[in-house]
C-alpha atoms as a PDB file:
ATOM      1  CA  MET A   1     -24.037  11.225  28.454  1.00  0.00           C
ATOM      2  CA  GLN A   2     -22.326  12.689  25.405  1.00  0.00           C
ATOM      3  CA  ARG A   3     -18.964  12.527  27.130  1.00  0.00           C
ATOM      4  CA  THR A   4     -19.485   8.821  27.872  1.00  0.00           C
ATOM      5  CA  LEU A   5     -20.265   8.052  24.235  1.00  0.00           C
ATOM      6  CA  LEU A   6     -17.286  10.013  22.943  1.00  0.00           C
ATOM      7  CA  THR A   7     -14.944   8.364  25.454  1.00  0.00           C
ATOM      8  CA  LEU A   8     -16.145   4.912  24.419  1.00  0.00           C
ATOM      9  CA  LEU A   9     -15.592   5.778  20.769  1.00  0.00           C
ATOM     10  CA  ILE A  10     -12.034   6.975  21.418  1.00  0.00           C
ATOM     11  CA  VAL A  11     -11.217   3.773  23.328  1.00  0.00           C
ATOM     12  CA  LEU A  12     -12.575   1.585  20.533  1.00  0.00           C
ATOM     13  CA  MET A  13     -10.723   3.474  17.794  1.00  0.00           C
ATOM     14  CA  GLY A  14      -7.524   3.493  19.841  1.00  0.00           C
ATOM     15  CA  GLY A  15      -7.724  -0.257  20.283  1.00  0.00           C
ATOM     16  CA  LEU A  16      -8.114  -0.779  16.561  1.00  0.00           C
ATOM     17  CA  GLN A  17      -5.147   1.471  15.814  1.00  0.00           C
ATOM     18  CA  LEU A  18      -2.931  -0.371  18.321  1.00  0.00           C
ATOM     19  CA  GLN A  19      -3.942  -3.709  16.847  1.00  0.00           C
ATOM     20  CA  ALA A  20      -3.148  -2.517  13.320  1.00  0.00           C
ATOM     21  CA  GLN A  21       0.180  -1.112  14.482  1.00  0.00           C
ATOM     22  CA  PHE A  22       1.537  -4.241  16.193  1.00  0.00           C
ATOM     23  CA  LEU A  23       0.001  -7.052  14.132  1.00  0.00           C
ATOM     24  CA  PRO A  24       2.182  -7.804  11.080  1.00  0.00           C
ATOM     25  CA  THR A  25       0.158  -8.469   7.946  1.00  0.00           C
ATOM     26  CA  SER A  26       0.673  -9.211   4.266  1.00  0.00           C
ATOM     27  CA  ASN A  27      -0.919  -7.755   1.141  1.00  0.00           C
ATOM     28  CA  LEU A  28      -2.035  -9.614  -1.972  1.00  0.00           C
ATOM     29  CA  THR A  29      -2.552  -8.208  -5.464  1.00  0.00           C
ATOM     30  CA  VAL A  30      -4.088 -10.335  -8.234  1.00  0.00           C
ATOM     31  CA  PHE A  31      -4.622  -9.099 -11.785  1.00  0.00           C
ATOM     32  CA  SER A  32      -5.917 -10.656 -14.978  1.00  0.00           C
ATOM     33  CA  GLU A  33      -3.489 -10.244 -17.868  1.00  0.00           C
ATOM     34  CA  ASP A  34      -6.323 -10.755 -20.374  1.00  0.00           C
ATOM     35  CA  GLY A  35      -8.848  -8.537 -18.601  1.00  0.00           C
ATOM     36  CA  PHE A  36     -11.193 -11.241 -17.291  1.00  0.00           C
ATOM     37  CA  LYS A  37     -13.263 -10.094 -14.301  1.00  0.00           C
ATOM     38  CA  PHE A  38     -13.216 -12.442 -11.322  1.00  0.00           C
ATOM     39  CA  TYR A  39     -14.083 -13.017  -7.658  1.00  0.00           C
ATOM     40  CA  LEU A  40     -11.239 -13.735  -5.232  1.00  0.00           C
ATOM     41  CA  ILE A  41     -11.966 -16.331  -2.515  1.00  0.00           C
ATOM     42  CA  LEU A  42      -9.531 -16.662   0.411  1.00  0.00           C
ATOM     43  CA  ASN A  43     -10.071 -19.393   3.018  1.00  0.00           C
ATOM     44  CA  GLY A  44     -13.641 -19.753   1.785  1.00  0.00           C
ATOM     45  CA  GLU A  45     -14.470 -16.026   2.110  1.00  0.00           C
ATOM     46  CA  ARG A  46     -15.277 -13.957  -0.966  1.00  0.00           C
ATOM     47  CA  GLN A  47     -13.155 -10.793  -0.867  1.00  0.00           C
ATOM     48  CA  ASN A  48     -14.952  -8.670  -3.502  1.00  0.00           C
ATOM     49  CA  ASP A  49     -18.695  -8.286  -3.949  1.00  0.00           C
ATOM     50  CA  VAL A  50     -18.281  -7.043  -7.537  1.00  0.00           C
ATOM     51  CA  PRO A  51     -16.069  -8.918 -10.051  1.00  0.00           C
ATOM     52  CA  GLN A  52     -12.878  -7.016 -10.928  1.00  0.00           C
ATOM     53  CA  THR A  53      -9.884  -7.421 -13.239  1.00  0.00           C
ATOM     54  CA  ASN A  54      -7.392  -6.039 -10.662  1.00  0.00           C
ATOM     55  CA  ILE A  55      -7.816  -6.720  -6.949  1.00  0.00           C
ATOM     56  CA  ARG A  56      -5.639  -5.893  -3.946  1.00  0.00           C
ATOM     57  CA  VAL A  57      -6.415  -7.290  -0.477  1.00  0.00           C
ATOM     58  CA  GLU A  58      -4.603  -5.803   2.519  1.00  0.00           C
ATOM     59  CA  GLU A  59      -4.168  -6.697   6.211  1.00  0.00           C
ATOM     60  CA  LEU A  60      -3.868 -10.473   5.708  1.00  0.00           C
ATOM     61  CA  PRO A  61      -2.609 -11.873   9.040  1.00  0.00           C
ATOM     62  CA  ASN A  62      -1.888 -15.509   8.085  1.00  0.00           C
ATOM     63  CA  PRO A  63       1.265 -16.785   6.345  1.00  0.00           C
ATOM     64  CA  TYR A  64      -0.684 -18.683   3.677  1.00  0.00           C
ATOM     65  CA  TYR A  65      -4.254 -19.073   2.404  1.00  0.00           C
ATOM     66  CA  SER A  66      -6.330 -21.386   0.301  1.00  0.00           C
ATOM     67  CA  CYS A  67      -7.306 -19.431  -2.794  1.00  0.00           C
ATOM     68  CA  LYS A  68      -9.956 -19.755  -5.480  1.00  0.00           C
ATOM     69  CA  ILE A  69     -10.589 -17.584  -8.537  1.00  0.00           C
ATOM     70  CA  ILE A  70     -14.153 -17.612  -9.916  1.00  0.00           C
ATOM     71  CA  PHE A  71     -14.560 -15.828 -13.246  1.00  0.00           C
ATOM     72  CA  GLU A  72     -17.585 -13.757 -14.188  1.00  0.00           C
ATOM     73  CA  ASP A  73     -17.341 -15.429 -17.586  1.00  0.00           C
ATOM     74  CA  LYS A  74     -18.684 -18.901 -16.808  1.00  0.00           C
ATOM     75  CA  THR A  75     -16.842 -20.385 -19.802  1.00  0.00           C
ATOM     76  CA  GLN A  76     -13.585 -19.888 -17.859  1.00  0.00           C
ATOM     77  CA  LYS A  77     -12.778 -22.660 -15.377  1.00  0.00           C
ATOM     78  CA  GLU A  78     -12.175 -21.831 -11.733  1.00  0.00           C
ATOM     79  CA  ILE A  79      -8.599 -21.651 -10.460  1.00  0.00           C
ATOM     80  CA  THR A  80      -7.730 -23.228  -7.100  1.00  0.00           C
ATOM     81  CA  LYS A  81      -4.527 -22.933  -5.065  1.00  0.00           C
ATOM     82  CA  GLY A  82      -4.207 -24.833  -1.810  1.00  0.00           C
ATOM     83  CA  ASN A  83      -1.294 -22.931  -0.239  1.00  0.00           C
ATOM     84  CA  LEU A  84      -0.881 -19.362  -1.411  1.00  0.00           C
ATOM     85  CA  MET A  85       2.248 -18.159   0.443  1.00  0.00           C
ATOM     86  CA  LEU A  86       2.332 -14.532   1.621  1.00  0.00           C
ATOM     87  CA  VAL A  87       5.583 -14.688   3.632  1.00  0.00           C
ATOM     88  CA  ASP A  88       9.200 -15.279   2.680  1.00  0.00           C
ATOM     89  CA  ALA A  89      11.404 -18.161   3.805  1.00  0.00           C
ATOM     90  CA  GLU A  90      12.039 -16.416   7.139  1.00  0.00           C
ATOM     91  CA  GLY A  91       8.315 -15.890   7.764  1.00  0.00           C
ATOM     92  CA  VAL A  92       8.425 -12.128   7.077  1.00  0.00           C
ATOM     93  CA  HIS A  93       5.138 -10.778   5.702  1.00  0.00           C
ATOM     94  CA  GLN A  94       5.322  -9.720   2.066  1.00  0.00           C
ATOM     95  CA  ASP A  95       3.462  -7.626  -0.479  1.00  0.00           C
ATOM     96  CA  VAL A  96       2.798 -10.341  -3.067  1.00  0.00           C
ATOM     97  CA  THR A  97       1.519 -10.063  -6.630  1.00  0.00           C
ATOM     98  CA  TYR A  98       0.045 -12.870  -8.739  1.00  0.00           C
ATOM     99  CA  LYS A  99      -1.131 -12.643 -12.316  1.00  0.00           C
ATOM    100  CA  ILE A 100      -3.772 -14.637 -14.154  1.00  0.00           C
ATOM    101  CA  ARG A 101      -2.864 -15.528 -17.719  1.00  0.00           C
ATOM    102  CA  LYS A 102      -3.271 -18.199 -20.371  1.00  0.00           C
ATOM    103  CA  ASP A 103      -0.963 -21.208 -20.415  1.00  0.00           C
ATOM    104  CA  LYS A 104       0.142 -22.968 -23.592  1.00  0.00           C
ATOM    105  CA  SER A 105      -3.159 -24.880 -23.759  1.00  0.00           C
ATOM    106  CA  GLY A 106      -5.202 -21.662 -23.544  1.00  0.00           C
ATOM    107  CA  LYS A 107      -6.354 -22.346 -19.980  1.00  0.00           C
ATOM    108  CA  GLN A 108      -6.384 -19.491 -17.443  1.00  0.00           C
ATOM    109  CA  VAL A 109      -3.794 -20.119 -14.703  1.00  0.00           C
ATOM    110  CA  MET A 110      -2.565 -18.139 -11.697  1.00  0.00           C
ATOM    111  CA  ARG A 111       1.186 -17.551 -11.524  1.00  0.00           C
ATOM    112  CA  PHE A 112       3.498 -15.828  -9.053  1.00  0.00           C
ATOM    113  CA  HIS A 113       4.647 -12.439 -10.370  1.00  0.00           C
ATOM    114  CA  SER A 114       6.641 -10.607  -7.661  1.00  0.00           C
ATOM    115  CA  PHE A 115       6.950  -9.771  -3.970  1.00  0.00           C
ATOM    116  CA  ILE A 116       8.539  -7.111  -1.776  1.00  0.00           C
ATOM    117  CA  PRO A 117       8.539  -6.665   2.021  1.00  0.00           C
ATOM    118  CA  ALA A 118       5.166  -5.438   3.297  1.00  0.00           C
ATOM    119  CA  ILE A 119       5.576  -1.898   4.632  1.00  0.00           C
ATOM    120  CA  GLN A 120       3.179   0.834   5.735  1.00  0.00           C
ATOM    121  CA  ASN A 121       2.009   3.584   3.376  1.00  0.00           C
ATOM    122  CA  MET A 122       3.123   1.665   0.312  1.00  0.00           C
ATOM    123  CA  GLN A 123       2.129   3.218  -2.988  1.00  0.00           C
ATOM    124  CA  ARG A 124      -0.753   1.128  -4.274  1.00  0.00           C
ATOM    125  CA  PRO A 125      -1.020   0.033  -7.919  1.00  0.00           C
ATOM    126  CA  ALA A 126      -3.127   2.326 -10.096  1.00  0.00           C
ATOM    127  CA  ASN A 127      -6.482   1.133 -11.468  1.00  0.00           C
ATOM    128  CA  THR A 128      -6.737  -1.491  -8.730  1.00  0.00           C
ATOM    129  CA  MET A 129      -9.643  -1.940  -6.337  1.00  0.00           C
ATOM    130  CA  VAL A 130      -8.318  -2.211  -2.779  1.00  0.00           C
ATOM    131  CA  TYR A 131     -10.066  -4.269  -0.086  1.00  0.00           C
ATOM    132  CA  ARG A 132      -9.446  -5.060   3.551  1.00  0.00           C
ATOM    133  CA  TYR A 133      -9.365  -8.777   4.301  1.00  0.00           C
ATOM    134  CA  GLY A 134     -12.843 -10.055   5.125  1.00  0.00           C
ATOM    135  CA  ASN A 135     -14.654  -6.946   3.859  1.00  0.00           C
ATOM    136  CA  PRO A 136     -16.100  -7.390   0.333  1.00  0.00           C
ATOM    137  CA  SER A 137     -16.625  -3.639  -0.179  1.00  0.00           C
ATOM    138  CA  PRO A 138     -13.622  -1.724  -1.599  1.00  0.00           C
ATOM    139  CA  PHE A 139     -12.250   1.219   0.367  1.00  0.00           C
ATOM    140  CA  MET A 140      -9.788   2.534  -2.221  1.00  0.00           C
ATOM    141  CA  ARG A 141      -9.262   2.659  -5.957  1.00  0.00           C
ATOM    142  CA  GLY A 142      -5.520   2.759  -6.484  1.00  0.00           C
ATOM    143  CA  ASN A 143      -4.441   5.720  -4.349  1.00  0.00           C
ATOM    144  CA  ASP A 144      -7.875   7.423  -4.254  1.00  0.00           C
ATOM    145  CA  MET A 145     -10.085   7.074  -1.193  1.00  0.00           C
ATOM    146  CA  ILE A 146     -13.654   5.943  -1.935  1.00  0.00           C
ATOM    147  CA  GLU A 147     -14.640   4.722   1.518  1.00  0.00           C
ATOM    148  CA  THR A 148     -17.839   5.843   3.233  1.00  0.00           C
ATOM    149  CA  THR A 149     -18.412   4.608   6.779  1.00  0.00           C
ATOM    150  CA  VAL A 150     -21.337   5.227   9.128  1.00  0.00           C
ATOM    151  CA  VAL A 151     -21.050   4.300  12.810  1.00  0.00           C
ATOM    152  CA  GLU A 152     -24.028   4.536  15.189  1.00  0.00           C
ATOM    153  CA  MET A 153     -23.564   4.165  18.945  1.00  0.00           C
ATOM    154  CA  ARG A 154     -26.495   4.125  21.384  1.00  0.00           C
ATOM    155  CA  HIS A 155     -26.728   4.510  25.124  1.00  0.00           C
ATOM    156  CA  GLY A 156     -30.018   4.196  27.027  1.00  0.00           C
ATOM    157  CA  ASN A 157     -33.020   1.946  27.589  1.00  0.00           C
ATOM    158  CA  GLY A 158     -34.051   1.538  23.957  1.00  0.00           C
ATOM    159  CA  ARG A 159     -36.819   4.139  24.026  1.00  0.00           C
ATOM    160  CA  ASN A 160     -34.951   7.298  24.941  1.00  0.00           C
ATOM    161  CA  ASP A 161     -31.479   6.429  23.737  1.00  0.00           C
ATOM    162  CA  ALA A 162     -28.708   8.938  23.304  1.00  0.00           C
ATOM    163  CA  VAL A 163     -27.343   8.355  19.803  1.00  0.00           C
ATOM    164  CA  LEU A 164     -23.938   9.214  18.354  1.00  0.00           C
ATOM    165  CA  ASP A 165     -23.818   9.054  14.544  1.00  0.00           C
ATOM    166  CA  ILE A 166     -20.478   9.282  12.774  1.00  0.00           C
ATOM    167  CA  SER A 167     -20.325   9.409   8.988  1.00  0.00           C
ATOM    168  CA  VAL A 168     -17.061   9.504   7.047  1.00  0.00           C
ATOM    169  CA  GLY A 169     -16.998   9.719   3.260  1.00  0.00           C
ATOM    170  CA  GLU A 170     -15.510  11.431   0.263  1.00  0.00           C
ATOM    171  CA  GLY A 171     -17.061  14.765   1.216  1.00  0.00           C
ATOM    172  CA  GLY A 172     -15.724  14.813   4.776  1.00  0.00           C
ATOM    173  CA  ALA A 173     -16.851  13.732   8.229  1.00  0.00           C
ATOM    174  CA  SER A 174     -20.000  14.397  10.249  1.00  0.00           C
ATOM    175  CA  ILE A 175     -20.500  13.720  13.972  1.00  0.00           C
ATOM    176  CA  GLN A 176     -24.019  14.047  15.366  1.00  0.00           C
ATOM    177  CA  VAL A 177     -25.085  13.591  19.005  1.00  0.00           C
ATOM    178  CA  ARG A 178     -28.805  13.282  19.831  1.00  0.00           C
ATOM    179  CA  ASP A 179     -29.839  13.171  23.503  1.00  0.00           C
ATOM    180  CA  PRO A 180     -33.650  12.960  24.050  1.00  0.00           C
ATOM    181  CA  GLU A 181     -33.338  13.566  27.799  1.00  0.00           C
ATOM    182  CA  LEU A 182     -31.708  16.936  27.245  1.00  0.00           C
ATOM    183  CA  ARG A 183     -33.736  17.566  24.093  1.00  0.00           C
ATOM    184  CA  THR A 184     -30.579  18.754  22.374  1.00  0.00           C
ATOM    185  CA  GLN A 185     -28.909  17.885  19.136  1.00  0.00           C
ATOM    186  CA  THR A 186     -25.306  18.722  18.356  1.00  0.00           C
ATOM    187  CA  THR A 187     -23.807  18.294  14.902  1.00  0.00           C
ATOM    188  CA  THR A 188     -20.212  18.821  13.833  1.00  0.00           C
ATOM    189  CA  VAL A 189     -19.447  18.696  10.126  1.00  0.00           C
ATOM    190  CA  THR A 190     -16.027  18.783   8.510  1.00  0.00           C
ATOM    191  CA  THR A 191     -15.907  19.233   4.738  1.00  0.00           C
ATOM    192  CA  THR A 192     -12.856  18.278   2.722  1.00  0.00           C
ATOM    193  CA  THR A 193     -11.986  18.234  -0.952  1.00  0.00           C
ATOM    194  CA  ARG A 194     -11.200  15.000  -2.750  1.00  0.00           C
ATOM    195  CA  THR A 195      -7.449  14.365  -2.965  1.00  0.00           C
ATOM    196  CA  THR A 196      -5.286  11.372  -3.699  1.00  0.00           C
ATOM    197  CA  THR A 197      -3.246   9.646  -1.021  1.00  0.00           C
ATOM    198  CA  ARG A 198      -0.057  11.074  -2.496  1.00  0.00           C
ATOM    199  CA  GLU A 199      -1.392  14.612  -2.350  1.00  0.00           C
ATOM    200  CA  ARG A 200      -2.603  14.146   1.227  1.00  0.00           C
ATOM    201  CA  GLU A 201       0.794  12.808   2.303  1.00  0.00           C
ATOM    202  CA  TYR A 202       2.560  15.706   0.598  1.00  0.00           C
ATOM    203  CA  ASN A 203       0.228  18.249   2.220  1.00  0.00           C
ATOM    204  CA  GLN A 204       0.797  16.628   5.603  1.00  0.00           C
ATOM    205  CA  ARG A 205       4.566  16.840   5.139  1.00  0.00           C
ATOM    206  CA  VAL A 206       4.256  20.557   4.377  1.00  0.00           C
ATOM    207  CA  MET A 207       2.130  21.038   7.525  1.00  0.00           C
ATOM    208  CA  ASP A 208       4.544  19.057   9.702  1.00  0.00           C
ATOM    209  CA  ASP A 209       7.865  20.348   8.373  1.00  0.00           C
ATOM    210  CA  GLY A 210       6.936  23.616   6.702  1.00  0.00           C
ATOM    211  CA  PHE A 211       8.393  22.312   3.446  1.00  0.00           C
ATOM    212  CA  ALA A 212       8.610  19.210   1.296  1.00  0.00           C
ATOM    213  CA  THR A 213      11.483  17.798  -0.678  1.00  0.00           C
ATOM    214  CA  SER A 214       9.420  17.834  -3.870  1.00  0.00           C
ATOM    215  CA  SER A 215       5.936  18.601  -5.081  1.00  0.00           C
ATOM    216  CA  PRO A 216       3.652  15.747  -6.256  1.00  0.00           C
ATOM    217  CA  GLU A 217       4.305  16.874  -9.836  1.00  0.00           C
ATOM    218  CA  MET A 218       8.146  16.672  -9.614  1.00  0.00           C
ATOM    219  CA  GLY A 219      10.192  13.494  -9.998  1.00  0.00           C
ATOM    220  CA  CYS A 220       8.589  10.510  -8.353  1.00  0.00           C
ATOM    221  CA  GLN A 221       4.885  11.131  -7.651  1.00  0.00           C
ATOM    222  CA  GLY A 222       4.957  11.431  -3.880  1.00  0.00           C
ATOM    223  CA  TYR A 223       7.401  12.062  -1.058  1.00  0.00           C
ATOM    224  CA  PRO A 224      10.207   9.737   0.059  1.00  0.00           C
ATOM    225  CA  MET A 225       9.868   6.663   2.243  1.00  0.00           C
ATOM    226  CA  SER A 226       9.634   7.388   5.946  1.00  0.00           C
ATOM    227  CA  PRO A 227      12.746   6.591   8.016  1.00  0.00           C
ATOM    228  CA  GLY A 228      10.997   3.627   9.639  1.00  0.00           C
ATOM    229  CA  ASP A 229       9.853   2.069   6.369  1.00  0.00           C
ATOM    230  CA  PHE A 230      13.224   2.720   4.747  1.00  0.00           C
ATOM    231  CA  SER A 231      15.030   1.033   7.649  1.00  0.00           C
ATOM    232  CA  LYS A 232      12.870  -2.074   7.125  1.00  0.00           C
ATOM    233  CA  ALA A 233      13.672  -2.000   3.405  1.00  0.00           C
ATOM    234  CA  MET A 234      17.410  -1.707   4.146  1.00  0.00           C
ATOM    235  CA  ASN A 235      17.243  -4.708   6.474  1.00  0.00           C
ATOM    236  CA  SER A 236      15.448  -6.732   3.802  1.00  0.00           C
ATOM    237  CA  VAL A 237      18.211  -5.987   1.302  1.00  0.00           C
ATOM    238  CA  LYS A 238      20.941  -6.729   3.863  1.00  0.00           C
ATOM    239  CA  GLY A 239      19.242 -10.028   4.679  1.00  0.00           C
ATOM    240  CA  GLN A 240      19.924 -11.408   1.202  1.00  0.00           C
ATOM    241  CA  SER A 241      22.858 -13.798   1.063  1.00  0.00           C
ATOM    242  CA  PHE A 242      23.983 -13.029  -2.477  1.00  0.00           C
ATOM    243  CA  GLU A 243      24.559  -9.897  -4.533  1.00  0.00           C
ATOM    244  CA  GLU A 244      21.903 -10.927  -7.049  1.00  0.00           C
ATOM    245  CA  GLY A 245      19.292 -11.200  -4.301  1.00  0.00           C
ATOM    246  CA  LYS A 246      20.243  -7.825  -2.840  1.00  0.00           C
ATOM    247  CA  LEU A 247      19.903  -6.185  -6.246  1.00  0.00           C
ATOM    248  CA  ARG A 248      16.524  -7.819  -6.867  1.00  0.00           C
ATOM    249  CA  VAL A 249      15.028  -6.718  -3.525  1.00  0.00           C
ATOM    250  CA  ALA A 250      16.498  -3.202  -3.817  1.00  0.00           C
ATOM    251  CA  LYS A 251      14.905  -2.803  -7.249  1.00  0.00           C
ATOM    252  CA  GLN A 252      11.582  -4.006  -5.865  1.00  0.00           C
ATOM    253  CA  VAL A 253      11.758  -1.361  -3.138  1.00  0.00           C
ATOM    254  CA  ALA A 254      12.597   1.366  -5.677  1.00  0.00           C
ATOM    255  CA  ASN A 255       9.830   0.275  -8.048  1.00  0.00           C
ATOM    256  CA  ALA A 256       7.176   0.498  -5.320  1.00  0.00           C
ATOM    257  CA  ASN A 257       8.291   3.645  -3.473  1.00  0.00           C
ATOM    258  CA  CYS A 258       9.704   7.133  -3.850  1.00  0.00           C
ATOM    259  CA  LEU A 259      13.271   7.634  -2.613  1.00  0.00           C
ATOM    260  CA  LYS A 260      15.524  10.577  -1.845  1.00  0.00           C
ATOM    261  CA  VAL A 261      19.010  10.657  -3.341  1.00  0.00           C
ATOM    262  CA  ASN A 262      20.606   9.984   0.043  1.00  0.00           C
ATOM    263  CA  GLN A 263      18.342   6.915   0.479  1.00  0.00           C
ATOM    264  CA  ILE A 264      19.365   5.620  -2.948  1.00  0.00           C
ATOM    265  CA  LYS A 265      22.984   6.214  -1.974  1.00  0.00           C
ATOM    266  CA  GLU A 266      22.586   4.176   1.231  1.00  0.00           C
ATOM    267  CA  LEU A 267      21.161   1.286  -0.784  1.00  0.00           C
ATOM    268  CA  ILE A 268      24.024   1.513  -3.293  1.00  0.00           C
ATOM    269  CA  HIS A 269      26.572   1.125  -0.502  1.00  0.00           C
ATOM    270  CA  LEU A 270      25.061  -2.288   0.322  1.00  0.00           C
ATOM    271  CA  PHE A 271      26.442  -3.698  -2.943  1.00  0.00           C
ATOM    272  CA  SER A 272      29.937  -5.123  -3.281  1.00  0.00           C
ATOM    273  CA  PHE A 273      30.317  -4.939  -7.051  1.00  0.00           C
ATOM    274  CA  GLU A 274      30.556  -1.850  -9.214  1.00  0.00           C
ATOM    275  CA  ALA A 275      28.216  -3.316 -11.822  1.00  0.00           C
ATOM    276  CA  SER A 276      25.477  -3.831  -9.225  1.00  0.00           C
ATOM    277  CA  LYS A 277      25.859  -0.271  -7.952  1.00  0.00           C
ATOM    278  CA  LEU A 278      25.533   1.143 -11.459  1.00  0.00           C
ATOM    279  CA  ASP A 279      22.611  -1.120 -12.341  1.00  0.00           C
ATOM    280  CA  PHE A 280      20.671  -0.026  -9.256  1.00  0.00           C
ATOM    281  CA  ALA A 281      21.514   3.669  -9.718  1.00  0.00           C
ATOM    282  CA  LYS A 282      19.975   3.533 -13.189  1.00  0.00           C
ATOM    283  CA  ALA A 283      16.929   1.546 -12.034  1.00  0.00           C
ATOM    284  CA  ALA A 284      16.239   3.917  -9.116  1.00  0.00           C
ATOM    285  CA  PHE A 285      16.449   7.152 -11.117  1.00  0.00           C
ATOM    286  CA  ARG A 286      12.737   7.241 -11.972  1.00  0.00           C
ATOM    287  CA  SER A 287      11.913   6.706  -8.288  1.00  0.00           C
ATOM    288  CA  CYS A 288      13.953   9.701  -7.124  1.00  0.00           C
ATOM    289  CA  THR A 289      12.100  12.680  -5.632  1.00  0.00           C
ATOM    290  CA  ASP A 290      15.033  15.064  -6.151  1.00  0.00           C
ATOM    291  CA  PRO A 291      16.686  13.987  -9.438  1.00  0.00           C
ATOM    292  CA  LYS A 292      18.512  17.330  -9.670  1.00  0.00           C
ATOM    293  CA  ASN A 293      20.727  16.043  -6.840  1.00  0.00           C
ATOM    294  CA  TYR A 294      21.590  12.766  -8.533  1.00  0.00           C
ATOM    295  CA  PHE A 295      25.157  13.993  -9.009  1.00  0.00           C
ATOM    296  CA  GLN A 296      25.663  13.206  -5.305  1.00  0.00           C
ATOM    297  CA  LEU A 297      25.899   9.529  -6.251  1.00  0.00           C
ATOM    298  CA  ASN A 298      29.199  10.078  -8.090  1.00  0.00           C
ATOM    299  CA  ASP A 299      31.346   9.369  -5.036  1.00  0.00           C
ATOM    300  CA  ALA A 300      29.555   6.035  -4.542  1.00  0.00           C
ATOM    301  CA  PHE A 301      31.474   4.651  -7.532  1.00  0.00           C
ATOM    302  CA  THR A 302      35.115   3.592  -7.701  1.00  0.00           C
ATOM    303  CA  PHE A 303      35.659   3.979 -11.433  1.00  0.00           C
ATOM    304  CA  GLU A 304      35.268   7.094 -13.542  1.00  0.00           C
ATOM    305  CA  SER A 305      33.771   4.972 -16.326  1.00  0.00           C
ATOM    306  CA  SER A 306      30.804   4.186 -14.055  1.00  0.00           C
ATOM    307  CA  ARG A 307      30.203   7.875 -13.370  1.00  0.00           C
ATOM    308  CA  GLU A 308      30.315   8.619 -17.093  1.00  0.00           C
ATOM    309  CA  ASP A 309      27.943   5.742 -17.856  1.00  0.00           C
ATOM    310  CA  LEU A 310      25.430   6.996 -15.272  1.00  0.00           C
ATOM    311  CA  ASP A 311      25.711  10.574 -16.547  1.00  0.00           C
ATOM    312  CA  LYS A 312      25.036   9.387 -20.105  1.00  0.00           C
ATOM    313  CA  PHE A 313      22.024   7.377 -18.895  1.00  0.00           C
ATOM    314  CA  ILE A 314      20.539  10.386 -17.085  1.00  0.00           C
ATOM    315  CA  SER A 315      21.064  12.638 -20.094  1.00  0.00           C
ATOM    316  CA  ASN A 316      18.953  10.287 -22.212  1.00  0.00           C
ATOM    317  CA  GLN A 317      16.018  10.273 -19.819  1.00  0.00           C
END
C-alpha cells in the first residue's frame, strides 16, 4: 500500500518536472516607481492575492497576454494593456520588465523597461514577490524561499484510507504515511536551515565539485552561469544583427547573472569593434565571480590604450 502511494507520487512529480523542462516559458516583472501597491491581472486571472509594489510572475507559456493593473489606492485609475508581449521578434521567450510611473499629466501608466532571454536559475530581483502563473500565493521573496506546500494522497474506500501527507516549508520537509489496515504510522522528517537561493546553489556546487570558484561573499553574489544557460545567452547575443544590439543584450545578460572571467572573455570576442569590447569589459566587471583574474582579458584587446583604460577603470572600483 505504501509502496503504491510513493510510486504514484514519484510519477506525478516526474511528469511535472518533465513538463517544466521542455515547455518554454517567459517571466514578467512589474514594479511601481512611486511605490503604489497593485493587483496584476493577466488574461482575466488575478496573479497576487495581496497588493504589492513589486511583482514577478514566472512560467508564463503564452507569447502575449491581456494585462490590467488595479491599484489598492482607489484614487488611481486602472491600467489596461491589450497585448503585453513576452517574446522577441523571433518568438523566443523573454524575461520582461515593465515599470509603472507617472506621465506628464500625472496619470499612472505602464511602460516597457527592459528584457533579456528567459533562462533557468536566473537571479531574481531583490525585494520582489515572486509568483507562479495562475497561483495567487507567492512562493519566493527575491531569492529567499517562502513556500509551504502540503500534499495529501489517499488510497482506499473512504473509511479506512491509507494516507500519505507531504509537507514542505521553510523548516524542511515531512513525509507521513498512515495505513489503518496495518495500524502503523511512519513519519520521516527532514529539517533544514533557512538559506537564500544563492547560498543553496553555492553549497550544491561545493557538494558536486568539491570546490567553488568563489564564495557568496566574494565578487558577484553567487556562482557563474551554468554552461547550458551561458550557451543560450551566447546565442542570443550572436543573433543580433548589429554591434549595438549585441552590446545591449550582452549587458543585459551580465546585469542579471554572475559570470566567470572566461565567460566574459567569450562574450567580448563576439564584438567586432574595440570600443564595444572595452565598454562591455567595464560593464561586466561587477558581475565577475573571480575579479582577481580580470587581467586575463588583456589579450582580448588589440590596442594597448584599451588595456590601460580597463586597468584604470578597475583601479577606481
